[in-house]
Amino acid sequence: MKTKYTDKIVALLDEEISFETFENWYTMLDFLEQPDILRELKAIIEERYDVNKTTFAASKIFENEINAFEDLILTHKLSKEMRAIEKENTKTQKQKLMEDLVRLRIQTIFLFTNKKAPIALLIETAKKLIATEKLCGIHDPENWKVFDELL
């Protein structure tokens, strides 16, 4: 079966291109293509040459190495994707935290200005929210101006 790699592999085996040229071409390809090229190289070699017990054992070892290489590539790609997902989740969680802080600040100020809750509880809540805003780097004293005299 001819693939997009066949001509390059045959050119290497027929010594029409150097191993260095083949290697440069091979390493420029996406990692996921490389195991397929190695499998095709193995198949073409087995097709061209007799497979006796010695070469069969070597061929099986080579096949296992290709599979291990492919597993390593897939694990690496999965790891990169998982890190990207985790980064996005962290970004989303941080944004939600910021939105929650703003909502809590607005509610606390509303309760304070409308005298809807005990002042001591509101002051304690305001102090905790201010400390959290400072930790998150979003604190603006102007937002808390209504509490200036009490804090």
C-alpha atoms as a PDB file:
ATOM      1  CA  MET A   1       0.000   0.000   0.000  1.00  0.00           C
ATOM      2  CA  LYS A   2       1.493   3.305  -1.061  1.00  0.00           C
ATOM      3  CA  THR A   3       1.299   6.249   1.340  1.00  0.00           C
ATOM      4  CA  LYS A   4       2.567   9.805   1.263  1.00  0.00           C
ATOM      5  CA  TYR A   5       5.812   8.542   2.837  1.00  0.00           C
ATOM      6  CA  THR A   6       6.541   5.656   0.471  1.00  0.00           C
ATOM      7  CA  ASP A   7       8.553   7.587  -2.140  1.00  0.00           C
ATOM      8  CA  LYS A   8      10.845   9.127   0.476  1.00  0.00           C
ATOM      9  CA  ILE A   9      11.437   5.772   2.193  1.00  0.00           C
ATOM     10  CA  VAL A  10      12.132   3.979  -1.093  1.00  0.00           C
ATOM     11  CA  ALA A  11      14.506   6.774  -2.130  1.00  0.00           C
ATOM     12  CA  LEU A  12      16.422   6.252   1.119  1.00  0.00           C
ATOM     13  CA  LEU A  13      16.593   2.482   0.717  1.00  0.00           C
ATOM     14  CA  ASP A  14      17.633   2.801  -2.945  1.00  0.00           C
ATOM     15  CA  GLU A  15      20.291   5.304  -1.811  1.00  0.00           C
ATOM     16  CA  GLU A  16      18.844   8.044  -4.009  1.00  0.00           C
ATOM     17  CA  ILE A  17      18.863  10.323  -0.986  1.00  0.00           C
ATOM     18  CA  SER A  18      21.250  10.354   1.934  1.00  0.00           C
ATOM     19  CA  PHE A  19      20.304   9.272   5.429  1.00  0.00           C
ATOM     20  CA  GLU A  20      20.971  12.881   6.538  1.00  0.00           C
ATOM     21  CA  THR A  21      18.448  14.216   4.005  1.00  0.00           C
ATOM     22  CA  PHE A  22      15.900  11.628   5.114  1.00  0.00           C
ATOM     23  CA  GLU A  23      16.543  12.410   8.779  1.00  0.00           C
ATOM     24  CA  ASN A  24      16.123  16.170   8.183  1.00  0.00           C
ATOM     25  CA  TRP A  25      12.806  15.545   6.414  1.00  0.00           C
ATOM     26  CA  TYR A  26      11.657  13.080   9.079  1.00  0.00           C
ATOM     27  CA  THR A  27      12.422  15.330  12.058  1.00  0.00           C
ATOM     28  CA  MET A  28      10.607  18.290  10.487  1.00  0.00           C
ATOM     29  CA  LEU A  29       7.331  16.365  10.417  1.00  0.00           C
ATOM     30  CA  ASP A  30       4.770  16.359  13.198  1.00  0.00           C
ATOM     31  CA  PHE A  31       5.661  13.885  15.928  1.00  0.00           C
ATOM     32  CA  LEU A  32       2.443  11.947  15.380  1.00  0.00           C
ATOM     33  CA  GLU A  33       3.472  11.168  11.796  1.00  0.00           C
ATOM     34  CA  GLN A  34       6.837   9.726  12.770  1.00  0.00           C
ATOM     35  CA  PRO A  35       5.641   6.341  14.112  1.00  0.00           C
ATOM     36  CA  ASP A  36       3.669   5.803  10.890  1.00  0.00           C
ATOM     37  CA  ILE A  37       6.812   6.463   8.850  1.00  0.00           C
ATOM     38  CA  LEU A  38       8.789   4.013  10.985  1.00  0.00           C
ATOM     39  CA  ARG A  39       6.055   1.377  10.568  1.00  0.00           C
ATOM     40  CA  GLU A  40       6.083   1.845   6.817  1.00  0.00           C
ATOM     41  CA  LEU A  41       9.887   1.712   6.732  1.00  0.00           C
ATOM     42  CA  LYS A  42       9.724  -1.578   8.667  1.00  0.00           C
ATOM     43  CA  ALA A  43       7.064  -2.975   6.302  1.00  0.00           C
ATOM     44  CA  ILE A  44       8.999  -2.024   3.163  1.00  0.00           C
ATOM     45  CA  ILE A  45      12.206  -3.540   4.539  1.00  0.00           C
ATOM     46  CA  GLU A  46      10.382  -6.771   5.440  1.00  0.00           C
ATOM     47  CA  GLU A  47       8.794  -6.856   1.992  1.00  0.00           C
ATOM     48  CA  ARG A  48      12.142  -6.375   0.222  1.00  0.00           C
ATOM     49  CA  TYR A  49      14.222  -8.784   2.292  1.00  0.00           C
ATOM     50  CA  ASP A  50      13.721 -12.315   3.565  1.00  0.00           C
ATOM     51  CA  VAL A  51      12.387 -12.501   7.085  1.00  0.00           C
ATOM     52  CA  ASN A  52      14.131 -15.303   8.936  1.00  0.00           C
ATOM     53  CA  LYS A  53      14.006 -16.036  12.673  1.00  0.00           C
ATOM     54  CA  THR A  54      16.757 -13.539  13.499  1.00  0.00           C
ATOM     55  CA  THR A  55      15.319 -10.677  11.515  1.00  0.00           C
ATOM     56  CA  PHE A  56      11.805 -11.529  12.699  1.00  0.00           C
ATOM     57  CA  ALA A  57      12.902 -11.118  16.342  1.00  0.00           C
ATOM     58  CA  ALA A  58      14.620  -7.832  15.501  1.00  0.00           C
ATOM     59  CA  SER A  59      11.529  -6.738  13.586  1.00  0.00           C
ATOM     60  CA  LYS A  60       9.331  -7.491  16.614  1.00  0.00           C
ATOM     61  CA  ILE A  61      11.675  -5.478  18.883  1.00  0.00           C
ATOM     62  CA  PHE A  62      11.584  -2.595  16.390  1.00  0.00           C
ATOM     63  CA  GLU A  63       7.773  -2.768  16.313  1.00  0.00           C
ATOM     64  CA  ASN A  64       7.657  -2.622  20.129  1.00  0.00           C
ATOM     65  CA  GLU A  65       9.986   0.397  20.110  1.00  0.00           C
ATOM     66  CA  ILE A  66       7.769   2.176  17.571  1.00  0.00           C
ATOM     67  CA  ASN A  67       4.720   1.507  19.753  1.00  0.00           C
ATOM     68  CA  ALA A  68       6.532   2.803  22.845  1.00  0.00           C
ATOM     69  CA  PHE A  69       7.612   5.921  20.908  1.00  0.00           C
ATOM     70  CA  GLU A  70       4.042   6.526  19.773  1.00  0.00           C
ATOM     71  CA  ASP A  71       2.737   6.065  23.334  1.00  0.00           C
ATOM     72  CA  LEU A  72       5.284   8.610  24.553  1.00  0.00           C
ATOM     73  CA  ILE A  73       4.182  11.117  21.909  1.00  0.00           C
ATOM     74  CA  LEU A  74       0.500  10.620  22.745  1.00  0.00           C
ATOM     75  CA  THR A  75       1.185  10.922  26.480  1.00  0.00           C
ATOM     76  CA  HIS A  76       3.082  14.164  25.887  1.00  0.00           C
ATOM     77  CA  LYS A  77       0.281  15.599  23.743  1.00  0.00           C
ATOM     78  CA  LEU A  78      -2.328  14.569  26.310  1.00  0.00           C
ATOM     79  CA  SER A  79      -0.259  16.167  29.069  1.00  0.00           C
ATOM     80  CA  LYS A  80      -0.049  19.443  27.115  1.00  0.00           C
ATOM     81  CA  GLU A  81      -3.797  19.415  26.524  1.00  0.00           C
ATOM     82  CA  MET A  82      -4.500  18.692  30.191  1.00  0.00           C
ATOM     83  CA  ARG A  83      -2.247  21.603  31.230  1.00  0.00           C
ATOM     84  CA  ALA A  84      -4.105  23.899  28.822  1.00  0.00           C
ATOM     85  CA  ILE A  85      -7.455  22.764  30.231  1.00  0.00           C
ATOM     86  CA  GLU A  86      -6.211  23.247  33.788  1.00  0.00           C
ATOM     87  CA  LYS A  87      -4.930  26.716  32.917  1.00  0.00           C
ATOM     88  CA  GLU A  88      -8.314  27.627  31.420  1.00  0.00           C
ATOM     89  CA  ASN A  89     -10.105  26.238  34.480  1.00  0.00           C
ATOM     90  CA  THR A  90      -7.865  28.272  36.776  1.00  0.00           C
ATOM     91  CA  LYS A  91      -8.549  31.388  34.720  1.00  0.00           C
ATOM     92  CA  THR A  92     -12.302  30.729  34.873  1.00  0.00           C
ATOM     93  CA  GLN A  93     -12.200  30.104  38.623  1.00  0.00           C
ATOM     94  CA  LYS A  94     -10.198  33.284  39.194  1.00  0.00           C
ATOM     95  CA  GLN A  95     -12.687  35.281  37.120  1.00  0.00           C
ATOM     96  CA  LYS A  96     -15.582  33.770  39.098  1.00  0.00           C
ATOM     97  CA  LEU A  97     -13.832  34.645  42.355  1.00  0.00           C
ATOM     98  CA  MET A  98     -13.394  38.244  41.187  1.00  0.00           C
ATOM     99  CA  GLU A  99     -17.065  38.446  40.218  1.00  0.00           C
ATOM    100  CA  ASP A 100     -18.070  36.989  43.595  1.00  0.00           C
ATOM    101  CA  LEU A 101     -15.909  39.531  45.433  1.00  0.00           C
ATOM    102  CA  VAL A 102     -17.510  42.409  43.556  1.00  0.00           C
ATOM    103  CA  ARG A 103     -20.987  41.014  44.223  1.00  0.00           C
ATOM    104  CA  LEU A 104     -20.212  40.577  47.945  1.00  0.00           C
ATOM    105  CA  ARG A 105     -18.790  44.089  48.166  1.00  0.00           C
ATOM    106  CA  ILE A 106     -21.906  45.554  46.567  1.00  0.00           C
ATOM    107  CA  GLN A 107     -24.167  43.549  48.873  1.00  0.00           C
ATOM    108  CA  THR A 108     -22.173  44.526  51.972  1.00  0.00           C
ATOM    109  CA  ILE A 109     -22.263  48.220  51.072  1.00  0.00           C
ATOM    110  CA  PHE A 110     -25.983  47.975  50.297  1.00  0.00           C
ATOM    111  CA  LEU A 111     -26.675  46.359  53.670  1.00  0.00           C
ATOM    112  CA  PHE A 112     -24.537  48.974  55.418  1.00  0.00           C
ATOM    113  CA  THR A 113     -26.084  52.000  53.735  1.00  0.00           C
ATOM    114  CA  ASN A 114     -29.619  50.696  54.236  1.00  0.00           C
ATOM    115  CA  LYS A 115     -28.957  49.561  57.813  1.00  0.00           C
ATOM    116  CA  LYS A 116     -30.216  46.082  57.044  1.00  0.00           C
ATOM    117  CA  ALA A 117     -27.663  44.180  59.191  1.00  0.00           C
ATOM    118  CA  PRO A 118     -25.748  44.631  62.456  1.00  0.00           C
ATOM    119  CA  ILE A 119     -22.923  47.139  61.978  1.00  0.00           C
ATOM    120  CA  ALA A 120     -20.336  44.955  63.731  1.00  0.00           C
ATOM    121  CA  LEU A 121     -21.050  42.072  61.325  1.00  0.00           C
ATOM    122  CA  LEU A 122     -20.831  44.373  58.294  1.00  0.00           C
ATOM    123  CA  ILE A 123     -17.521  45.865  59.454  1.00  0.00           C
ATOM    124  CA  GLU A 124     -16.066  42.386  60.019  1.00  0.00           C
ATOM    125  CA  THR A 125     -17.310  41.286  56.584  1.00  0.00           C
ATOM    126  CA  ALA A 126     -15.920  44.444  54.943  1.00  0.00           C
ATOM    127  CA  LYS A 127     -12.475  43.878  56.511  1.00  0.00           C
ATOM    128  CA  LYS A 128     -12.378  40.285  55.254  1.00  0.00           C
ATOM    129  CA  LEU A 129     -13.476  41.301  51.774  1.00  0.00           C
ATOM    130  CA  ILE A 130     -10.889  44.093  51.630  1.00  0.00           C
ATOM    131  CA  ALA A 131      -8.156  41.657  52.708  1.00  0.00           C
ATOM    132  CA  THR A 132      -9.270  39.197  50.019  1.00  0.00           C
ATOM    133  CA  GLU A 133      -9.362  41.913  47.361  1.00  0.00           C
ATOM    134  CA  LYS A 134      -5.812  42.914  48.322  1.00  0.00           C
ATOM    135  CA  LEU A 135      -4.666  39.303  47.989  1.00  0.00           C
ATOM    136  CA  CYS A 136      -6.259  39.108  44.558  1.00  0.00           C
ATOM    137  CA  GLY A 137      -4.839  42.468  43.477  1.00  0.00           C
ATOM    138  CA  ILE A 138      -8.198  44.099  42.792  1.00  0.00           C
ATOM    139  CA  HIS A 139      -8.561  46.304  45.855  1.00  0.00           C
ATOM    140  CA  ASP A 140      -9.617  49.889  45.197  1.00  0.00           C
ATOM    141  CA  PRO A 141     -10.143  52.019  48.342  1.00  0.00           C
ATOM    142  CA  GLU A 142     -12.673  54.118  46.430  1.00  0.00           C
ATOM    143  CA  ASN A 143     -15.031  51.134  46.408  1.00  0.00           C
ATOM    144  CA  TRP A 144     -15.086  51.136  50.214  1.00  0.00           C
ATOM    145  CA  LYS A 145     -15.365  54.881  50.800  1.00  0.00           C
ATOM    146  CA  VAL A 146     -18.685  54.478  52.640  1.00  0.00           C
ATOM    147  CA  PHE A 147     -16.821  52.544  55.378  1.00  0.00           C
ATOM    148  CA  ASP A 148     -13.899  55.031  55.689  1.00  0.00           C
ATOM    149  CA  GLU A 149     -14.777  56.267  59.147  1.00  0.00           C
ATOM    150  CA  LEU A 150     -15.446  52.793  60.554  1.00  0.00           C
ATOM    151  CA  LEU A 151     -12.508  50.851  59.189  1.00  0.00           C
END
